Structure formats: structure tokens, C-alpha cells
């Protein structure tokens, strides 16, 4: 694997929509996991990955563990930066780390573990070129 892909932060900006808030006008806690997924997908794309190709070839990334640590609330119409990076790759497993900020204020942190499986949910190893789109598979 190209070690330069590890620990490289990628930032995705999102604006909190009204439908994502609770009665108090705060971002509902469940939406942070969705924001993590968006950031993870954008990181994958930025590093040359292609989810459509991955799935067409019979590989699926499933979340096996996810955590979110809330520090401060976000509200309606806030612009958030979701930073994501790969912290570990074992061929069959990916670990990510997340930071959610509003300006310079840290609102949440998170971690996830994804496993690569086939359509029968059997563990599969991914080659670096499939994961990072180096062109030769």
C-alpha cells in the first residue's frame, strides 16, 4: 500500500439543514454518523477510489464499528467542516478518524472500522490499486 494515503486529512464542508435539527434547533446526534459517511466517501474519491467500481467488482465496505464523541452542539445553518483520514488499512479492514468543526471550534470526533466483504458477507482482501485507484488491478 502507498503509505502516503494514511493519515492524510480530507475536508468536506456541509451546512446543517433544518430537517437535520431537533426541536431545539440543534443538529440531531444521529446525523453525525451520516456526515462521517459523506466525508469518508469524499476522502475515498479524492484518493482515486471509486465505490461504484468497487461494488461492480463484488466488494462491499460495511461498518463494523463506529463511535462519536460530542463536544459542542451544532445548529441550523451552521457550516461544518468534517475532516476524515484513514488511520489503518489491513487489506480487509479500514479504520477512519473524523473531526467536526465550526470555524476553529471542535464539535465532535469519531472513529470507524469498515470491513470488506463480498455479497455473501465473506471477508475479502482489497488490493491497494482497487482501494486507491492506481489504475492496475
N, C-alpha and C. Protein backbone atom coordinates (compact mmCIF):
# COMPACT_ATOMS: atom_id res chain seq x y z
N UNK A 1 0.83 -1.19 0.00
CA UNK A 1 0.00 0.00 0.00
C UNK A 1 0.86 1.25 0.00
N UNK A 2 0.39 2.26 -0.66
CA UNK A 2 1.06 3.56 -0.65
C UNK A 2 0.82 4.21 0.72
N UNK A 3 1.83 4.20 1.55
CA UNK A 3 1.70 4.72 2.93
C UNK A 3 1.33 6.20 2.95
N UNK A 4 1.55 6.91 1.84
CA UNK A 4 1.20 8.33 1.81
C UNK A 4 -0.30 8.55 1.89
N UNK A 5 -1.10 7.51 1.65
CA UNK A 5 -2.55 7.64 1.75
C UNK A 5 -3.03 7.62 3.20
N UNK A 6 -2.20 7.08 4.09
CA UNK A 6 -2.56 7.06 5.51
C UNK A 6 -2.32 8.43 6.13
N UNK A 7 -3.16 8.77 7.06
CA UNK A 7 -3.04 9.99 7.86
C UNK A 7 -3.14 11.29 7.06
N UNK A 8 -3.62 11.23 5.83
CA UNK A 8 -3.86 12.45 5.06
C UNK A 8 -5.30 12.89 5.30
N UNK A 9 -5.47 14.04 5.92
CA UNK A 9 -6.81 14.56 6.18
C UNK A 9 -7.44 15.07 4.90
N UNK A 10 -8.72 14.84 4.75
CA UNK A 10 -9.52 15.42 3.68
C UNK A 10 -10.70 16.11 4.33
N UNK A 11 -11.02 17.32 3.88
CA UNK A 11 -12.10 18.10 4.49
C UNK A 11 -13.27 18.23 3.54
N UNK A 12 -14.46 17.98 4.08
CA UNK A 12 -15.72 18.17 3.36
C UNK A 12 -16.55 19.16 4.15
N UNK A 13 -17.06 20.19 3.48
CA UNK A 13 -17.91 21.17 4.16
C UNK A 13 -19.38 20.84 3.92
N UNK A 14 -20.16 20.96 4.99
CA UNK A 14 -21.60 20.73 4.93
C UNK A 14 -22.31 21.81 5.73
N UNK A 15 -23.49 22.19 5.27
CA UNK A 15 -24.32 23.15 6.01
C UNK A 15 -25.46 22.37 6.65
N UNK A 16 -25.69 22.62 7.93
CA UNK A 16 -26.76 21.94 8.65
C UNK A 16 -28.11 22.42 8.12
N UNK A 17 -28.89 21.45 7.63
CA UNK A 17 -30.22 21.75 7.10
C UNK A 17 -31.26 21.67 8.22
N UNK A 18 -32.36 22.37 8.02
CA UNK A 18 -33.41 22.41 9.03
C UNK A 18 -33.90 21.01 9.38
N UNK A 19 -34.04 20.16 8.38
CA UNK A 19 -34.56 18.80 8.61
C UNK A 19 -33.61 17.93 9.44
N UNK A 20 -32.37 18.38 9.62
CA UNK A 20 -31.38 17.63 10.40
C UNK A 20 -31.34 18.05 11.86
N UNK A 21 -32.19 18.99 12.23
CA UNK A 21 -32.16 19.51 13.59
C UNK A 21 -33.31 18.95 14.43
N UNK A 22 -33.16 19.08 15.74
CA UNK A 22 -34.20 18.65 16.67
C UNK A 22 -35.06 19.86 17.04
N UNK A 23 -35.95 19.69 17.99
CA UNK A 23 -36.88 20.75 18.39
C UNK A 23 -36.14 21.99 18.92
N UNK A 24 -34.92 21.79 19.43
CA UNK A 24 -34.13 22.92 19.96
C UNK A 24 -33.33 23.62 18.87
N UNK A 25 -33.44 23.14 17.62
CA UNK A 25 -32.69 23.75 16.53
C UNK A 25 -31.25 23.28 16.45
N UNK A 26 -30.95 22.19 17.15
CA UNK A 26 -29.58 21.65 17.16
C UNK A 26 -29.49 20.45 16.24
N UNK A 27 -28.32 20.26 15.66
CA UNK A 27 -28.08 19.11 14.80
C UNK A 27 -28.34 17.85 15.62
N UNK A 28 -29.24 16.99 15.15
CA UNK A 28 -29.56 15.76 15.87
C UNK A 28 -28.34 14.85 15.87
N UNK A 29 -28.08 14.20 17.01
CA UNK A 29 -26.87 13.41 17.17
C UNK A 29 -26.72 12.32 16.11
N UNK A 30 -27.81 11.76 15.60
CA UNK A 30 -27.72 10.68 14.62
C UNK A 30 -27.13 11.14 13.28
N UNK A 31 -27.20 12.42 13.00
CA UNK A 31 -26.71 12.93 11.71
C UNK A 31 -25.19 12.96 11.63
N UNK A 32 -24.51 12.94 12.76
CA UNK A 32 -23.05 12.93 12.72
C UNK A 32 -22.54 11.68 11.99
N UNK A 33 -23.18 10.55 12.20
CA UNK A 33 -22.77 9.32 11.53
C UNK A 33 -22.96 9.46 10.01
N UNK A 34 -24.05 10.08 9.59
CA UNK A 34 -24.25 10.34 8.16
C UNK A 34 -23.19 11.28 7.61
N UNK A 35 -22.83 12.30 8.39
CA UNK A 35 -21.79 13.22 7.97
C UNK A 35 -20.45 12.51 7.86
N UNK A 36 -20.18 11.58 8.77
CA UNK A 36 -18.95 10.79 8.68
C UNK A 36 -18.93 10.01 7.36
N UNK A 37 -20.06 9.42 6.99
CA UNK A 37 -20.12 8.65 5.75
C UNK A 37 -19.86 9.53 4.53
N UNK A 38 -20.43 10.72 4.52
CA UNK A 38 -20.20 11.65 3.42
C UNK A 38 -18.72 11.99 3.33
N UNK A 39 -18.11 12.30 4.47
CA UNK A 39 -16.68 12.66 4.49
C UNK A 39 -15.82 11.48 4.05
N UNK A 40 -16.18 10.28 4.48
CA UNK A 40 -15.42 9.08 4.12
C UNK A 40 -15.50 8.84 2.61
N UNK A 41 -16.69 9.02 2.04
CA UNK A 41 -16.87 8.85 0.60
C UNK A 41 -16.07 9.88 -0.18
N UNK A 42 -16.06 11.11 0.28
CA UNK A 42 -15.31 12.17 -0.41
C UNK A 42 -13.80 11.94 -0.29
N UNK A 43 -13.34 11.43 0.86
CA UNK A 43 -11.94 11.07 1.00
C UNK A 43 -11.57 9.98 0.01
N UNK A 44 -12.40 8.94 -0.07
CA UNK A 44 -12.17 7.83 -1.00
C UNK A 44 -12.06 8.34 -2.43
N UNK A 45 -12.98 9.22 -2.81
CA UNK A 45 -12.98 9.79 -4.16
C UNK A 45 -11.72 10.64 -4.39
N UNK A 46 -11.36 11.46 -3.41
CA UNK A 46 -10.19 12.32 -3.55
C UNK A 46 -8.90 11.52 -3.68
N UNK A 47 -8.86 10.32 -3.10
CA UNK A 47 -7.67 9.49 -3.18
C UNK A 47 -7.68 8.56 -4.39
N UNK A 48 -8.67 8.73 -5.28
CA UNK A 48 -8.71 7.95 -6.51
C UNK A 48 -9.61 6.74 -6.47
N UNK A 49 -10.31 6.54 -5.37
CA UNK A 49 -11.20 5.39 -5.25
C UNK A 49 -12.51 5.61 -5.97
N UNK A 50 -13.21 4.53 -6.27
CA UNK A 50 -14.48 4.58 -6.97
C UNK A 50 -15.40 3.51 -6.37
N UNK A 51 -16.35 3.94 -5.54
CA UNK A 51 -17.25 2.99 -4.89
C UNK A 51 -18.04 2.17 -5.90
N UNK A 52 -18.47 2.80 -6.98
CA UNK A 52 -19.25 2.07 -7.98
C UNK A 52 -18.43 0.92 -8.55
N UNK A 53 -17.17 1.19 -8.92
CA UNK A 53 -16.31 0.14 -9.44
C UNK A 53 -16.06 -0.94 -8.39
N UNK A 54 -15.84 -0.51 -7.15
CA UNK A 54 -15.60 -1.45 -6.06
C UNK A 54 -16.77 -2.43 -5.95
N UNK A 55 -17.99 -1.90 -5.97
CA UNK A 55 -19.17 -2.75 -5.84
C UNK A 55 -19.43 -3.58 -7.09
N UNK A 56 -19.16 -3.02 -8.27
CA UNK A 56 -19.31 -3.79 -9.50
C UNK A 56 -18.38 -4.99 -9.53
N UNK A 57 -17.25 -4.87 -8.86
CA UNK A 57 -16.29 -5.97 -8.80
C UNK A 57 -16.58 -6.93 -7.65
N UNK A 58 -17.68 -6.68 -6.92
CA UNK A 58 -18.11 -7.60 -5.88
C UNK A 58 -17.58 -7.33 -4.49
N UNK A 59 -17.05 -6.13 -4.27
CA UNK A 59 -16.53 -5.75 -2.96
C UNK A 59 -17.48 -4.74 -2.32
N UNK A 60 -17.73 -4.91 -1.02
CA UNK A 60 -18.60 -4.01 -0.29
C UNK A 60 -17.92 -3.65 1.04
N UNK A 61 -17.98 -2.38 1.40
CA UNK A 61 -17.41 -1.92 2.66
C UNK A 61 -18.55 -1.76 3.65
N UNK A 62 -18.50 -2.52 4.74
CA UNK A 62 -19.56 -2.47 5.75
C UNK A 62 -18.98 -1.94 7.06
N UNK A 63 -19.76 -1.13 7.73
CA UNK A 63 -19.35 -0.59 9.02
C UNK A 63 -19.51 -1.68 10.08
N UNK A 64 -18.42 -1.96 10.78
CA UNK A 64 -18.49 -2.94 11.87
C UNK A 64 -18.36 -2.28 13.24
N UNK A 65 -17.88 -1.03 13.24
CA UNK A 65 -17.79 -0.29 14.50
C UNK A 65 -17.76 1.19 14.17
N UNK A 66 -18.49 1.97 14.97
CA UNK A 66 -18.46 3.42 14.80
C UNK A 66 -18.67 4.07 16.16
N UNK A 67 -17.97 5.17 16.36
CA UNK A 67 -18.15 5.91 17.61
C UNK A 67 -18.11 7.39 17.32
N UNK A 68 -18.80 8.14 18.15
CA UNK A 68 -18.82 9.60 18.03
C UNK A 68 -18.75 10.18 19.43
N UNK A 69 -17.85 11.13 19.60
CA UNK A 69 -17.70 11.83 20.87
C UNK A 69 -18.12 13.28 20.65
N UNK A 70 -19.20 13.67 21.32
CA UNK A 70 -19.76 15.01 21.15
C UNK A 70 -19.12 15.98 22.13
N UNK A 71 -18.70 17.12 21.61
CA UNK A 71 -18.04 18.13 22.44
C UNK A 71 -18.92 19.38 22.61
N UNK A 72 -19.46 19.87 21.48
CA UNK A 72 -20.27 21.09 21.46
C UNK A 72 -21.39 20.90 20.43
N UNK A 73 -22.53 21.54 20.61
CA UNK A 73 -23.62 21.37 19.65
C UNK A 73 -23.42 22.21 18.39
N UNK A 74 -24.01 21.72 17.30
CA UNK A 74 -24.10 22.49 16.05
C UNK A 74 -25.56 22.84 15.87
N UNK A 75 -25.81 23.92 15.16
CA UNK A 75 -27.19 24.37 14.97
C UNK A 75 -27.55 24.54 13.51
N UNK A 76 -28.82 24.81 13.31
CA UNK A 76 -29.33 25.04 11.96
C UNK A 76 -28.52 26.11 11.24
N UNK A 77 -28.18 25.83 10.00
CA UNK A 77 -27.48 26.72 9.07
C UNK A 77 -25.99 26.89 9.37
N UNK A 78 -25.48 26.20 10.39
CA UNK A 78 -24.04 26.22 10.64
C UNK A 78 -23.31 25.54 9.48
N UNK A 79 -22.18 26.09 9.11
CA UNK A 79 -21.32 25.45 8.12
C UNK A 79 -20.26 24.66 8.89
N UNK A 80 -20.24 23.37 8.64
CA UNK A 80 -19.33 22.48 9.36
C UNK A 80 -18.27 21.94 8.42
N UNK A 81 -17.09 21.75 8.95
CA UNK A 81 -16.02 21.07 8.22
C UNK A 81 -15.87 19.69 8.85
N UNK A 82 -16.00 18.67 8.03
CA UNK A 82 -15.82 17.30 8.51
C UNK A 82 -14.51 16.81 7.93
N UNK A 83 -13.54 16.60 8.81
CA UNK A 83 -12.23 16.10 8.39
C UNK A 83 -12.20 14.61 8.61
N UNK A 84 -11.61 13.90 7.63
CA UNK A 84 -11.56 12.45 7.69
C UNK A 84 -10.20 11.99 7.18
N UNK A 85 -9.71 10.92 7.80
CA UNK A 85 -8.47 10.31 7.33
C UNK A 85 -8.49 8.82 7.63
N UNK A 86 -7.73 8.08 6.85
CA UNK A 86 -7.53 6.66 7.11
C UNK A 86 -6.38 6.55 8.10
N UNK A 87 -6.62 5.85 9.19
CA UNK A 87 -5.57 5.68 10.19
C UNK A 87 -4.94 4.30 10.13
N UNK A 88 -5.66 3.33 9.53
CA UNK A 88 -5.11 1.98 9.43
C UNK A 88 -5.79 1.25 8.28
N UNK A 89 -5.00 0.48 7.55
CA UNK A 89 -5.51 -0.35 6.46
C UNK A 89 -4.82 -1.69 6.53
N UNK A 90 -5.61 -2.75 6.56
CA UNK A 90 -5.03 -4.10 6.65
C UNK A 90 -5.32 -4.95 5.43
N UNK A 91 -5.92 -4.38 4.41
CA UNK A 91 -6.28 -5.15 3.22
C UNK A 91 -7.73 -5.58 3.25
N UNK A 92 -8.21 -6.00 4.41
CA UNK A 92 -9.61 -6.39 4.55
C UNK A 92 -10.37 -5.44 5.47
N UNK A 93 -9.63 -4.52 6.11
CA UNK A 93 -10.24 -3.63 7.09
C UNK A 93 -9.66 -2.23 6.94
N UNK A 94 -10.53 -1.23 7.08
CA UNK A 94 -10.13 0.18 7.05
C UNK A 94 -10.58 0.84 8.34
N UNK A 95 -9.70 1.65 8.90
CA UNK A 95 -10.07 2.43 10.08
C UNK A 95 -9.95 3.92 9.72
N UNK A 96 -10.96 4.68 10.10
CA UNK A 96 -11.00 6.12 9.83
C UNK A 96 -11.13 6.89 11.13
N UNK A 97 -10.70 8.14 11.06
CA UNK A 97 -10.85 9.08 12.17
C UNK A 97 -11.51 10.34 11.61
N UNK A 98 -12.34 10.99 12.44
CA UNK A 98 -13.11 12.16 11.99
C UNK A 98 -12.99 13.29 13.01
N UNK A 99 -13.07 14.51 12.50
CA UNK A 99 -13.20 15.70 13.34
C UNK A 99 -14.24 16.60 12.69
N UNK A 100 -15.16 17.09 13.50
CA UNK A 100 -16.19 18.01 13.02
C UNK A 100 -15.93 19.35 13.70
N UNK A 101 -15.76 20.38 12.87
CA UNK A 101 -15.51 21.71 13.41
C UNK A 101 -16.47 22.73 12.81
N UNK A 102 -16.64 23.82 13.55
CA UNK A 102 -17.35 25.01 13.07
C UNK A 102 -16.35 26.13 13.28
N UNK A 103 -15.76 26.58 12.18
CA UNK A 103 -14.65 27.51 12.32
C UNK A 103 -13.50 26.79 13.01
N UNK A 104 -13.01 27.37 14.09
CA UNK A 104 -11.92 26.74 14.84
C UNK A 104 -12.41 25.89 16.02
N UNK A 105 -13.72 25.84 16.19
CA UNK A 105 -14.29 25.14 17.34
C UNK A 105 -14.53 23.67 17.03
N UNK A 106 -13.94 22.79 17.84
CA UNK A 106 -14.13 21.36 17.68
C UNK A 106 -15.47 20.96 18.28
N UNK A 107 -16.34 20.36 17.44
CA UNK A 107 -17.67 19.97 17.89
C UNK A 107 -17.79 18.49 18.20
N UNK A 108 -17.06 17.65 17.44
CA UNK A 108 -17.16 16.21 17.65
C UNK A 108 -15.95 15.52 17.03
N UNK A 109 -15.66 14.35 17.56
CA UNK A 109 -14.64 13.48 16.98
C UNK A 109 -15.26 12.10 16.82
N UNK A 110 -14.67 11.31 15.95
CA UNK A 110 -15.20 9.97 15.76
C UNK A 110 -14.19 9.03 15.17
N UNK A 111 -14.56 7.75 15.18
CA UNK A 111 -13.74 6.69 14.60
C UNK A 111 -14.68 5.66 14.00
N UNK A 112 -14.21 4.99 12.95
CA UNK A 112 -14.99 3.89 12.39
C UNK A 112 -14.06 2.80 11.91
N UNK A 113 -14.60 1.59 11.88
CA UNK A 113 -13.92 0.44 11.33
C UNK A 113 -14.84 -0.15 10.26
N UNK A 114 -14.30 -0.32 9.06
CA UNK A 114 -15.05 -0.92 7.97
C UNK A 114 -14.37 -2.21 7.56
N UNK A 115 -15.17 -3.20 7.22
CA UNK A 115 -14.64 -4.47 6.71
C UNK A 115 -15.05 -4.60 5.25
N UNK A 116 -14.20 -5.24 4.48
CA UNK A 116 -14.50 -5.50 3.08
C UNK A 116 -15.08 -6.91 2.98
N UNK A 117 -16.26 -7.02 2.37
CA UNK A 117 -16.92 -8.31 2.23
C UNK A 117 -17.41 -8.47 0.79
N UNK A 118 -17.78 -9.72 0.45
CA UNK A 118 -18.45 -9.96 -0.83
C UNK A 118 -19.95 -10.00 -0.59
N UNK A 119 -20.72 -10.34 -1.61
CA UNK A 119 -22.18 -10.33 -1.48
C UNK A 119 -22.70 -11.39 -0.51
N UNK A 120 -21.87 -12.37 -0.15
CA UNK A 120 -22.24 -13.37 0.84
C UNK A 120 -21.72 -13.00 2.24
N UNK A 121 -21.22 -11.77 2.39
CA UNK A 121 -20.67 -11.25 3.63
C UNK A 121 -19.45 -12.02 4.11
N UNK A 122 -18.69 -12.57 3.16
CA UNK A 122 -17.42 -13.21 3.48
C UNK A 122 -16.32 -12.16 3.38
N UNK A 123 -15.41 -12.15 4.34
CA UNK A 123 -14.31 -11.18 4.36
C UNK A 123 -13.48 -11.30 3.09
N UNK A 124 -13.15 -10.16 2.51
CA UNK A 124 -12.35 -10.09 1.29
C UNK A 124 -11.18 -9.14 1.50
N UNK A 125 -10.06 -9.45 0.87
CA UNK A 125 -8.91 -8.55 0.89
C UNK A 125 -8.99 -7.65 -0.34
N UNK A 126 -8.67 -6.37 -0.15
CA UNK A 126 -8.65 -5.41 -1.24
C UNK A 126 -7.21 -5.10 -1.61
N UNK A 127 -6.96 -5.08 -2.89
CA UNK A 127 -5.63 -4.66 -3.34
C UNK A 127 -5.57 -3.13 -3.24
N UNK A 128 -4.41 -2.57 -3.02
CA UNK A 128 -4.29 -1.10 -2.91
C UNK A 128 -4.79 -0.38 -4.16
N UNK A 129 -4.57 -0.97 -5.35
CA UNK A 129 -5.00 -0.29 -6.56
C UNK A 129 -6.52 -0.22 -6.67
N UNK A 130 -7.21 -1.23 -6.17
CA UNK A 130 -8.68 -1.18 -6.18
C UNK A 130 -9.17 -0.14 -5.17
N UNK A 131 -8.56 -0.11 -4.02
CA UNK A 131 -8.96 0.81 -2.99
C UNK A 131 -8.61 2.26 -3.33
N UNK A 132 -7.43 2.46 -3.88
CA UNK A 132 -6.95 3.81 -4.14
C UNK A 132 -6.88 4.18 -5.61
N UNK A 133 -7.39 3.33 -6.49
CA UNK A 133 -7.50 3.70 -7.89
C UNK A 133 -6.19 3.95 -8.61
N UNK A 134 -5.18 3.11 -8.39
CA UNK A 134 -3.90 3.31 -9.07
C UNK A 134 -3.90 2.84 -10.51
N UNK A 135 -5.03 2.33 -10.97
CA UNK A 135 -5.13 2.02 -12.39
C UNK A 135 -4.89 0.59 -12.79
N UNK A 136 -4.16 -0.20 -12.03
CA UNK A 136 -3.92 -1.57 -12.41
C UNK A 136 -4.47 -2.50 -11.34
N UNK A 137 -5.38 -3.39 -11.75
CA UNK A 137 -5.97 -4.32 -10.79
C UNK A 137 -5.75 -5.74 -11.22
